[in-house]
N, C-alpha and C. Protein backbone atom coordinates (compact mmCIF):
# COMPACT_ATOMS: atom_id res chain seq x y z
N GLU A 1 0.85 -1.18 0.00
CA GLU A 1 0.00 0.00 0.00
C GLU A 1 0.89 1.24 0.00
N ARG A 2 0.62 2.14 -0.93
CA ARG A 2 1.41 3.37 -1.04
C ARG A 2 0.80 4.47 -0.21
N LYS A 3 1.66 5.23 0.43
CA LYS A 3 1.20 6.36 1.22
C LYS A 3 1.21 7.61 0.37
N ALA A 4 0.27 8.49 0.63
CA ALA A 4 0.26 9.77 -0.07
C ALA A 4 1.46 10.58 0.38
N PRO A 5 2.09 11.29 -0.55
CA PRO A 5 3.26 12.07 -0.16
C PRO A 5 2.89 13.17 0.82
N THR A 6 3.73 13.36 1.80
CA THR A 6 3.53 14.44 2.75
C THR A 6 4.26 15.67 2.25
N MET A 7 4.01 16.79 2.88
CA MET A 7 4.64 18.02 2.47
C MET A 7 6.16 17.92 2.54
N SER A 8 6.69 17.24 3.56
CA SER A 8 8.13 17.13 3.70
C SER A 8 8.74 16.28 2.59
N ASN A 9 7.97 15.35 2.02
CA ASN A 9 8.48 14.52 0.93
C ASN A 9 8.46 15.25 -0.40
N THR A 10 7.58 16.20 -0.55
CA THR A 10 7.44 16.87 -1.84
C THR A 10 8.13 18.23 -1.89
N SER A 11 8.49 18.79 -0.73
CA SER A 11 9.13 20.10 -0.76
C SER A 11 10.55 19.93 -1.31
N PRO A 12 10.98 20.90 -2.10
CA PRO A 12 12.28 20.75 -2.75
C PRO A 12 13.42 20.85 -1.74
N THR A 13 14.43 20.05 -1.96
CA THR A 13 15.64 20.16 -1.16
C THR A 13 16.62 21.02 -1.95
N PRO A 14 17.26 21.95 -1.29
CA PRO A 14 18.19 22.82 -2.01
C PRO A 14 19.32 22.06 -2.70
N TRP A 15 19.66 20.89 -2.21
CA TRP A 15 20.72 20.10 -2.84
C TRP A 15 20.33 19.64 -4.24
N ARG A 16 19.04 19.61 -4.54
CA ARG A 16 18.60 19.15 -5.86
C ARG A 16 18.80 20.18 -6.94
N PHE A 17 18.84 21.47 -6.59
CA PHE A 17 18.93 22.48 -7.64
C PHE A 17 19.95 23.60 -7.39
N THR A 18 20.24 23.90 -6.15
CA THR A 18 21.10 25.05 -5.86
C THR A 18 22.50 24.93 -6.45
N PRO A 19 23.22 23.83 -6.24
CA PRO A 19 24.58 23.77 -6.78
C PRO A 19 24.63 23.96 -8.30
N LEU A 20 23.77 23.27 -9.01
CA LEU A 20 23.78 23.36 -10.47
C LEU A 20 23.37 24.75 -10.96
N LEU A 21 22.31 25.30 -10.41
CA LEU A 21 21.84 26.61 -10.87
C LEU A 21 22.89 27.70 -10.67
N TYR A 22 23.53 27.71 -9.53
CA TYR A 22 24.50 28.76 -9.27
C TYR A 22 25.83 28.51 -9.97
N PHE A 23 26.19 27.26 -10.21
CA PHE A 23 27.36 26.95 -11.04
C PHE A 23 27.10 27.43 -12.46
N MET A 24 25.91 27.11 -12.98
CA MET A 24 25.54 27.51 -14.34
C MET A 24 25.40 29.03 -14.47
N GLN A 25 25.01 29.70 -13.38
CA GLN A 25 24.87 31.15 -13.41
C GLN A 25 26.22 31.82 -13.67
N ALA A 26 27.30 31.22 -13.23
CA ALA A 26 28.63 31.82 -13.37
C ALA A 26 29.23 31.64 -14.76
N ILE A 27 28.81 30.63 -15.48
CA ILE A 27 29.46 30.31 -16.76
C ILE A 27 29.33 31.44 -17.78
N PRO A 28 28.15 31.92 -18.12
CA PRO A 28 28.10 32.99 -19.13
C PRO A 28 28.77 34.28 -18.68
N VAL A 29 28.68 34.60 -17.40
CA VAL A 29 29.33 35.81 -16.89
C VAL A 29 30.83 35.72 -17.13
N THR A 30 31.41 34.59 -16.79
CA THR A 30 32.85 34.43 -16.93
C THR A 30 33.26 34.35 -18.40
N LEU A 31 32.48 33.64 -19.20
CA LEU A 31 32.83 33.54 -20.62
C LEU A 31 32.78 34.90 -21.31
N VAL A 32 31.74 35.67 -21.02
CA VAL A 32 31.59 36.97 -21.68
C VAL A 32 32.58 37.99 -21.15
N GLN A 33 32.75 38.05 -19.83
CA GLN A 33 33.58 39.10 -19.25
C GLN A 33 35.07 38.79 -19.25
N GLU A 34 35.45 37.55 -19.09
CA GLU A 34 36.86 37.23 -18.94
C GLU A 34 37.43 36.41 -20.09
N VAL A 35 36.81 35.28 -20.37
CA VAL A 35 37.36 34.37 -21.37
C VAL A 35 37.34 35.00 -22.76
N SER A 36 36.30 35.75 -23.08
CA SER A 36 36.26 36.39 -24.40
C SER A 36 37.44 37.35 -24.58
N SER A 37 37.82 38.04 -23.52
CA SER A 37 38.96 38.96 -23.61
C SER A 37 40.25 38.20 -23.92
N ILE A 38 40.42 37.05 -23.30
CA ILE A 38 41.60 36.22 -23.56
C ILE A 38 41.60 35.75 -25.01
N ILE A 39 40.44 35.33 -25.48
CA ILE A 39 40.33 34.85 -26.87
C ILE A 39 40.59 35.99 -27.85
N PHE A 40 39.96 37.14 -27.60
CA PHE A 40 40.16 38.28 -28.50
C PHE A 40 41.62 38.69 -28.55
N LYS A 41 42.29 38.69 -27.41
CA LYS A 41 43.71 39.06 -27.38
C LYS A 41 44.52 38.06 -28.19
N GLY A 42 44.21 36.78 -28.04
CA GLY A 42 44.90 35.75 -28.81
C GLY A 42 44.66 35.85 -30.31
N LEU A 43 43.55 36.47 -30.69
CA LEU A 43 43.22 36.64 -32.11
C LEU A 43 43.69 37.98 -32.66
N GLY A 44 44.44 38.74 -31.84
CA GLY A 44 45.06 39.96 -32.33
C GLY A 44 44.25 41.23 -32.20
N VAL A 45 43.17 41.23 -31.44
CA VAL A 45 42.38 42.45 -31.24
C VAL A 45 43.15 43.36 -30.29
N GLU A 46 43.11 44.65 -30.56
CA GLU A 46 43.80 45.64 -29.73
C GLU A 46 43.24 45.68 -28.31
N ASN A 47 44.11 45.93 -27.34
CA ASN A 47 43.70 45.98 -25.93
C ASN A 47 42.62 47.03 -25.68
N LYS A 48 42.75 48.21 -26.30
CA LYS A 48 41.76 49.27 -26.06
C LYS A 48 40.38 48.86 -26.57
N ASP A 49 40.33 48.16 -27.68
CA ASP A 49 39.05 47.68 -28.21
C ASP A 49 38.45 46.61 -27.30
N ILE A 50 39.30 45.70 -26.84
CA ILE A 50 38.83 44.64 -25.94
C ILE A 50 38.28 45.27 -24.66
N ALA A 51 39.03 46.19 -24.08
CA ALA A 51 38.60 46.80 -22.81
C ALA A 51 37.28 47.55 -22.97
N PHE A 52 37.16 48.33 -24.03
CA PHE A 52 35.93 49.11 -24.24
C PHE A 52 34.73 48.20 -24.47
N TRP A 53 34.84 47.29 -25.41
CA TRP A 53 33.69 46.47 -25.79
C TRP A 53 33.36 45.42 -24.74
N ALA A 54 34.36 44.86 -24.09
CA ALA A 54 34.08 43.88 -23.03
C ALA A 54 33.35 44.52 -21.87
N SER A 55 33.71 45.76 -21.54
CA SER A 55 33.00 46.44 -20.45
C SER A 55 31.58 46.82 -20.88
N LEU A 56 31.40 47.14 -22.14
CA LEU A 56 30.08 47.51 -22.64
C LEU A 56 29.12 46.31 -22.66
N ILE A 57 29.62 45.16 -23.12
CA ILE A 57 28.72 44.00 -23.18
C ILE A 57 28.47 43.39 -21.81
N ALA A 58 29.18 43.85 -20.79
CA ALA A 58 28.94 43.39 -19.41
C ALA A 58 27.83 44.19 -18.72
N LEU A 59 27.33 45.22 -19.38
CA LEU A 59 26.30 46.08 -18.77
C LEU A 59 25.02 45.36 -18.34
N PRO A 60 24.55 44.35 -19.06
CA PRO A 60 23.31 43.70 -18.60
C PRO A 60 23.38 43.19 -17.16
N TRP A 61 24.53 42.72 -16.73
CA TRP A 61 24.64 42.24 -15.34
C TRP A 61 24.65 43.42 -14.37
N THR A 62 25.23 44.52 -14.80
CA THR A 62 25.24 45.71 -13.95
C THR A 62 23.84 46.29 -13.81
N LEU A 63 23.07 46.22 -14.88
CA LEU A 63 21.72 46.80 -14.91
C LEU A 63 20.62 45.77 -14.68
N GLN A 64 20.98 44.65 -14.06
CA GLN A 64 20.02 43.57 -13.81
C GLN A 64 18.75 44.04 -13.13
N MET A 65 18.90 45.01 -12.22
CA MET A 65 17.73 45.45 -11.46
C MET A 65 16.67 46.07 -12.37
N LEU A 66 17.09 46.59 -13.52
CA LEU A 66 16.11 47.16 -14.45
C LEU A 66 15.37 46.06 -15.21
N LEU A 67 16.00 44.90 -15.36
CA LEU A 67 15.36 43.78 -16.06
C LEU A 67 14.46 42.97 -15.14
N GLY A 68 14.64 43.11 -13.83
CA GLY A 68 13.88 42.34 -12.85
C GLY A 68 12.37 42.40 -13.03
N PRO A 69 11.78 43.59 -13.14
CA PRO A 69 10.32 43.65 -13.31
C PRO A 69 9.84 42.94 -14.58
N PHE A 70 10.60 43.03 -15.66
CA PHE A 70 10.23 42.36 -16.90
C PHE A 70 10.18 40.84 -16.69
N VAL A 71 11.20 40.31 -16.02
CA VAL A 71 11.24 38.86 -15.75
C VAL A 71 10.11 38.47 -14.81
N ASP A 72 9.90 39.25 -13.75
CA ASP A 72 8.89 38.91 -12.76
C ASP A 72 7.47 38.95 -13.31
N LEU A 73 7.21 39.82 -14.27
CA LEU A 73 5.86 39.99 -14.79
C LEU A 73 5.55 39.14 -16.02
N ASN A 74 6.55 38.44 -16.55
CA ASN A 74 6.35 37.67 -17.78
C ASN A 74 6.85 36.25 -17.62
N GLY A 75 5.96 35.33 -17.40
CA GLY A 75 6.33 33.92 -17.32
C GLY A 75 6.77 33.50 -15.93
N THR A 76 7.03 32.21 -15.82
CA THR A 76 7.46 31.65 -14.55
C THR A 76 8.97 31.68 -14.44
N LYS A 77 9.45 31.58 -13.22
CA LYS A 77 10.90 31.54 -13.00
C LYS A 77 11.51 30.32 -13.68
N ARG A 78 10.82 29.19 -13.57
CA ARG A 78 11.33 27.96 -14.19
C ARG A 78 11.45 28.11 -15.71
N ARG A 79 10.44 28.72 -16.33
CA ARG A 79 10.49 28.90 -17.78
C ARG A 79 11.64 29.84 -18.16
N TRP A 80 11.80 30.94 -17.41
CA TRP A 80 12.92 31.85 -17.69
C TRP A 80 14.26 31.14 -17.58
N ILE A 81 14.40 30.28 -16.57
CA ILE A 81 15.66 29.56 -16.39
C ILE A 81 15.91 28.62 -17.57
N LEU A 82 14.90 27.85 -17.95
CA LEU A 82 15.08 26.87 -19.03
C LEU A 82 15.32 27.56 -20.38
N VAL A 83 14.49 28.54 -20.70
CA VAL A 83 14.66 29.25 -21.97
C VAL A 83 15.98 30.03 -21.96
N GLY A 84 16.28 30.66 -20.84
CA GLY A 84 17.52 31.42 -20.73
C GLY A 84 18.75 30.55 -20.89
N GLN A 85 18.76 29.39 -20.25
CA GLN A 85 19.92 28.50 -20.39
C GLN A 85 20.06 28.01 -21.83
N ALA A 86 18.96 27.74 -22.49
CA ALA A 86 19.02 27.33 -23.89
C ALA A 86 19.57 28.46 -24.76
N ALA A 87 19.09 29.68 -24.54
CA ALA A 87 19.57 30.83 -25.31
C ALA A 87 21.05 31.09 -25.06
N ILE A 88 21.47 30.92 -23.82
CA ILE A 88 22.89 31.10 -23.48
C ILE A 88 23.74 30.06 -24.20
N ALA A 89 23.31 28.81 -24.19
CA ALA A 89 24.04 27.74 -24.87
C ALA A 89 24.15 28.03 -26.37
N ILE A 90 23.05 28.46 -26.97
CA ILE A 90 23.07 28.80 -28.39
C ILE A 90 24.02 29.97 -28.64
N GLY A 91 23.99 30.97 -27.77
CA GLY A 91 24.89 32.12 -27.91
C GLY A 91 26.35 31.72 -27.83
N ILE A 92 26.68 30.82 -26.92
CA ILE A 92 28.07 30.38 -26.79
C ILE A 92 28.51 29.58 -28.01
N ILE A 93 27.62 28.73 -28.52
CA ILE A 93 27.93 27.95 -29.72
C ILE A 93 28.11 28.88 -30.92
N LEU A 94 27.19 29.84 -31.09
CA LEU A 94 27.30 30.79 -32.20
C LEU A 94 28.57 31.62 -32.10
N THR A 95 28.96 31.98 -30.89
CA THR A 95 30.19 32.74 -30.71
C THR A 95 31.38 31.93 -31.18
N ALA A 96 31.44 30.67 -30.79
CA ALA A 96 32.55 29.81 -31.21
C ALA A 96 32.59 29.67 -32.72
N LEU A 97 31.43 29.53 -33.35
CA LEU A 97 31.38 29.40 -34.81
C LEU A 97 31.76 30.72 -35.50
N ALA A 98 31.35 31.84 -34.92
CA ALA A 98 31.62 33.14 -35.53
C ALA A 98 33.09 33.53 -35.46
N LEU A 99 33.85 32.91 -34.59
CA LEU A 99 35.29 33.23 -34.50
C LEU A 99 36.04 32.88 -35.77
N GLN A 100 35.44 32.09 -36.62
CA GLN A 100 36.07 31.71 -37.90
C GLN A 100 35.78 32.70 -39.03
N LEU A 101 34.90 33.65 -38.79
CA LEU A 101 34.47 34.57 -39.84
C LEU A 101 35.41 35.78 -39.95
N PRO A 102 35.43 36.41 -41.13
CA PRO A 102 36.31 37.57 -41.31
C PRO A 102 36.00 38.73 -40.35
N ASN A 103 34.75 39.01 -40.11
CA ASN A 103 34.35 40.10 -39.19
C ASN A 103 34.01 39.54 -37.82
N PHE A 104 34.81 38.60 -37.33
CA PHE A 104 34.49 37.87 -36.11
C PHE A 104 34.29 38.79 -34.91
N PHE A 105 35.05 39.86 -34.80
CA PHE A 105 34.98 40.68 -33.59
C PHE A 105 33.61 41.33 -33.44
N ALA A 106 33.12 41.95 -34.49
CA ALA A 106 31.81 42.61 -34.43
C ALA A 106 30.68 41.59 -34.24
N ILE A 107 30.77 40.48 -34.95
CA ILE A 107 29.71 39.46 -34.86
C ILE A 107 29.68 38.84 -33.47
N THR A 108 30.85 38.46 -32.96
CA THR A 108 30.87 37.83 -31.65
C THR A 108 30.46 38.81 -30.55
N LEU A 109 30.79 40.08 -30.71
CA LEU A 109 30.34 41.07 -29.72
C LEU A 109 28.82 41.14 -29.68
N GLY A 110 28.19 41.13 -30.84
CA GLY A 110 26.73 41.15 -30.89
C GLY A 110 26.11 39.92 -30.25
N VAL A 111 26.66 38.76 -30.56
CA VAL A 111 26.14 37.52 -29.98
C VAL A 111 26.39 37.48 -28.47
N LEU A 112 27.58 37.90 -28.05
CA LEU A 112 27.89 37.92 -26.62
C LEU A 112 27.01 38.92 -25.87
N ALA A 113 26.68 40.04 -26.50
CA ALA A 113 25.80 41.02 -25.86
C ALA A 113 24.41 40.42 -25.63
N LEU A 114 23.88 39.72 -26.63
CA LEU A 114 22.59 39.05 -26.45
C LEU A 114 22.67 37.95 -25.40
N THR A 115 23.77 37.23 -25.40
CA THR A 115 23.99 36.19 -24.39
C THR A 115 24.01 36.81 -23.00
N ALA A 116 24.64 37.97 -22.88
CA ALA A 116 24.70 38.67 -21.59
C ALA A 116 23.30 39.08 -21.11
N VAL A 117 22.46 39.54 -22.02
CA VAL A 117 21.10 39.93 -21.65
C VAL A 117 20.32 38.71 -21.16
N PHE A 118 20.40 37.61 -21.91
CA PHE A 118 19.70 36.39 -21.48
C PHE A 118 20.26 35.88 -20.16
N SER A 119 21.56 35.99 -19.98
CA SER A 119 22.17 35.54 -18.73
C SER A 119 21.69 36.38 -17.55
N ALA A 120 21.64 37.69 -17.73
CA ALA A 120 21.18 38.57 -16.64
C ALA A 120 19.73 38.24 -16.27
N MET A 121 18.89 38.02 -17.27
CA MET A 121 17.49 37.67 -16.99
C MET A 121 17.37 36.30 -16.33
N THR A 122 18.23 35.37 -16.73
CA THR A 122 18.24 34.05 -16.12
C THR A 122 18.71 34.14 -14.67
N ASN A 123 19.68 35.00 -14.39
CA ASN A 123 20.14 35.20 -13.01
C ASN A 123 19.01 35.70 -12.12
N ILE A 124 18.23 36.63 -12.65
CA ILE A 124 17.09 37.15 -11.89
C ILE A 124 16.11 36.02 -11.59
N ALA A 125 15.81 35.22 -12.61
CA ALA A 125 14.87 34.11 -12.44
C ALA A 125 15.43 33.07 -11.47
N THR A 126 16.72 32.80 -11.54
CA THR A 126 17.35 31.83 -10.64
C THR A 126 17.22 32.28 -9.19
N ASP A 127 17.54 33.54 -8.93
CA ASP A 127 17.43 34.05 -7.57
C ASP A 127 15.97 34.04 -7.10
N GLY A 128 15.05 34.40 -7.99
CA GLY A 128 13.63 34.37 -7.64
C GLY A 128 13.15 32.96 -7.36
N PHE A 129 13.57 32.02 -8.17
CA PHE A 129 13.20 30.61 -7.98
C PHE A 129 13.70 30.13 -6.62
N TYR A 130 14.92 30.47 -6.29
CA TYR A 130 15.52 30.09 -5.01
C TYR A 130 14.70 30.66 -3.86
N LEU A 131 14.31 31.93 -3.98
CA LEU A 131 13.53 32.56 -2.90
C LEU A 131 12.14 31.97 -2.77
N LEU A 132 11.52 31.62 -3.89
CA LEU A 132 10.18 31.05 -3.85
C LEU A 132 10.17 29.58 -3.41
N ALA A 133 11.22 28.85 -3.76
CA ALA A 133 11.24 27.42 -3.49
C ALA A 133 11.58 27.08 -2.04
N LEU A 134 12.27 27.99 -1.35
CA LEU A 134 12.74 27.67 0.00
C LEU A 134 12.20 28.64 1.03
N ASP A 135 12.01 28.12 2.23
CA ASP A 135 11.63 29.00 3.32
C ASP A 135 12.88 29.77 3.80
N ARG A 136 12.67 30.77 4.64
CA ARG A 136 13.78 31.63 5.08
C ARG A 136 14.90 30.85 5.76
N GLU A 137 14.55 29.86 6.55
CA GLU A 137 15.57 29.08 7.25
C GLU A 137 16.46 28.32 6.26
N SER A 138 15.84 27.70 5.27
CA SER A 138 16.60 26.98 4.24
C SER A 138 17.42 27.94 3.40
N GLN A 139 16.87 29.10 3.08
CA GLN A 139 17.63 30.09 2.33
C GLN A 139 18.89 30.48 3.09
N ALA A 140 18.76 30.70 4.37
CA ALA A 140 19.91 31.09 5.19
C ALA A 140 20.96 29.99 5.24
N LYS A 141 20.51 28.76 5.31
CA LYS A 141 21.46 27.64 5.37
C LYS A 141 22.25 27.48 4.07
N PHE A 142 21.62 27.79 2.95
CA PHE A 142 22.25 27.51 1.66
C PHE A 142 22.84 28.73 0.97
N VAL A 143 22.81 29.88 1.59
CA VAL A 143 23.33 31.07 0.93
C VAL A 143 24.84 30.95 0.67
N GLY A 144 25.56 30.34 1.59
CA GLY A 144 26.99 30.12 1.39
C GLY A 144 27.26 29.13 0.27
N LEU A 145 26.38 28.14 0.15
CA LEU A 145 26.51 27.15 -0.91
C LEU A 145 26.33 27.81 -2.29
N ASN A 146 25.38 28.72 -2.39
CA ASN A 146 25.18 29.44 -3.65
C ASN A 146 26.46 30.13 -4.07
N SER A 147 27.05 30.86 -3.15
CA SER A 147 28.27 31.60 -3.43
C SER A 147 29.42 30.66 -3.80
N THR A 148 29.52 29.55 -3.09
CA THR A 148 30.58 28.58 -3.36
C THR A 148 30.46 28.01 -4.77
N PHE A 149 29.27 27.60 -5.15
CA PHE A 149 29.11 27.01 -6.48
C PHE A 149 29.23 28.06 -7.58
N TYR A 150 28.84 29.29 -7.30
CA TYR A 150 29.05 30.36 -8.28
C TYR A 150 30.55 30.56 -8.50
N ARG A 151 31.33 30.60 -7.42
CA ARG A 151 32.79 30.76 -7.54
C ARG A 151 33.42 29.56 -8.25
N LEU A 152 32.93 28.35 -7.95
CA LEU A 152 33.44 27.17 -8.64
C LEU A 152 33.15 27.24 -10.14
N GLY A 153 31.99 27.76 -10.52
CA GLY A 153 31.67 27.94 -11.94
C GLY A 153 32.62 28.92 -12.61
N ARG A 154 32.93 30.00 -11.93
CA ARG A 154 33.90 30.98 -12.48
C ARG A 154 35.28 30.35 -12.60
N LEU A 155 35.68 29.60 -11.58
CA LEU A 155 36.98 28.93 -11.61
C LEU A 155 37.04 27.91 -12.74
N PHE A 156 35.97 27.17 -12.93
CA PHE A 156 35.90 26.19 -14.01
C PHE A 156 36.13 26.86 -15.36
N CYS A 157 35.46 27.98 -15.59
CA CYS A 157 35.58 28.67 -16.88
C CYS A 157 36.95 29.30 -17.07
N SER A 158 37.40 30.05 -16.07
CA SER A 158 38.66 30.78 -16.24
C SER A 158 39.87 29.86 -16.08
N GLY A 159 39.69 28.69 -15.49
CA GLY A 159 40.80 27.76 -15.33
C GLY A 159 40.72 26.60 -16.30
N ALA A 160 39.78 25.71 -16.06
CA ALA A 160 39.69 24.48 -16.84
C ALA A 160 39.38 24.72 -18.32
N LEU A 161 38.41 25.58 -18.61
CA LEU A 161 38.06 25.82 -20.02
C LEU A 161 39.17 26.53 -20.78
N VAL A 162 39.80 27.49 -20.15
CA VAL A 162 40.90 28.20 -20.82
C VAL A 162 42.07 27.25 -21.06
N THR A 163 42.37 26.40 -20.09
CA THR A 163 43.43 25.40 -20.25
C THR A 163 43.09 24.44 -21.38
N LEU A 164 41.86 23.97 -21.40
CA LEU A 164 41.43 23.05 -22.46
C LEU A 164 41.53 23.73 -23.84
N ALA A 165 41.07 24.96 -23.93
CA ALA A 165 41.15 25.68 -25.21
C ALA A 165 42.59 25.86 -25.65
N GLY A 166 43.46 26.20 -24.71
CA GLY A 166 44.88 26.36 -25.04
C GLY A 166 45.50 25.07 -25.53
N THR A 167 45.12 23.97 -24.90
CA THR A 167 45.62 22.66 -25.31
C THR A 167 45.11 22.30 -26.70
N MET A 168 43.83 22.58 -26.94
CA MET A 168 43.25 22.26 -28.25
C MET A 168 43.84 23.09 -29.37
N MET A 169 44.30 24.29 -29.05
CA MET A 169 44.90 25.14 -30.08
C MET A 169 46.24 24.58 -30.56
N ASN A 170 46.87 23.74 -29.75
CA ASN A 170 48.15 23.13 -30.13
C ASN A 170 47.99 21.80 -30.84
N VAL A 171 46.77 21.32 -30.98
CA VAL A 171 46.52 20.08 -31.69
C VAL A 171 46.50 20.37 -33.19
N PRO A 172 47.26 19.63 -33.97
CA PRO A 172 47.27 19.92 -35.42
C PRO A 172 45.91 19.67 -36.04
N PRO A 173 45.53 20.48 -37.03
CA PRO A 173 44.22 20.31 -37.66
C PRO A 173 44.13 19.00 -38.42
N VAL A 174 42.93 18.48 -38.49
CA VAL A 174 42.67 17.24 -39.21
C VAL A 174 42.18 17.61 -40.60
N THR A 175 42.80 17.03 -41.61
CA THR A 175 42.35 17.30 -42.98
C THR A 175 41.46 16.15 -43.43
N LEU A 176 40.36 16.52 -44.01
CA LEU A 176 39.41 15.54 -44.52
C LEU A 176 39.37 15.62 -46.03
N SER A 177 39.37 14.49 -46.67
CA SER A 177 39.21 14.49 -48.12
C SER A 177 38.02 13.62 -48.47
N VAL A 178 37.27 14.09 -49.42
CA VAL A 178 36.06 13.38 -49.82
C VAL A 178 36.24 12.80 -51.18
């Protein structure tokens, strides 16, 4: 005989979503603000151009509070997170593909700017989801965990991904003949 689930069985545990959400929240921020600068420098873009444009495309995170009402009034937090993460993934893929184009700097800046907007809106939804899903006591217990996983996400991008990219750049290209 099965028992009906009680409230304690159905209420979300922060361990089920907090680490992943906050780790994922750090990835686009780090890729757009830090890793893109490293890539642009490696591709020969001038420092002054990198500094100006990288700071400009980082504005959505600075102005997140202006996007908050739009996110709160349109759709659910879960939908914003899912759609936002998909848009961020597409933006990162398009950025990687655009690096091969002749006008790569302008194109990638545009794609990264859109990625930054989606990321900022996803951050708002993530924080809202966290606040709605947990009571105050649980929020207080897991606030340090949020910060830890956010920092781990930044470390992953600026350390592991940059190292991997550097290693891949030294691999000789594969020629295909048909």
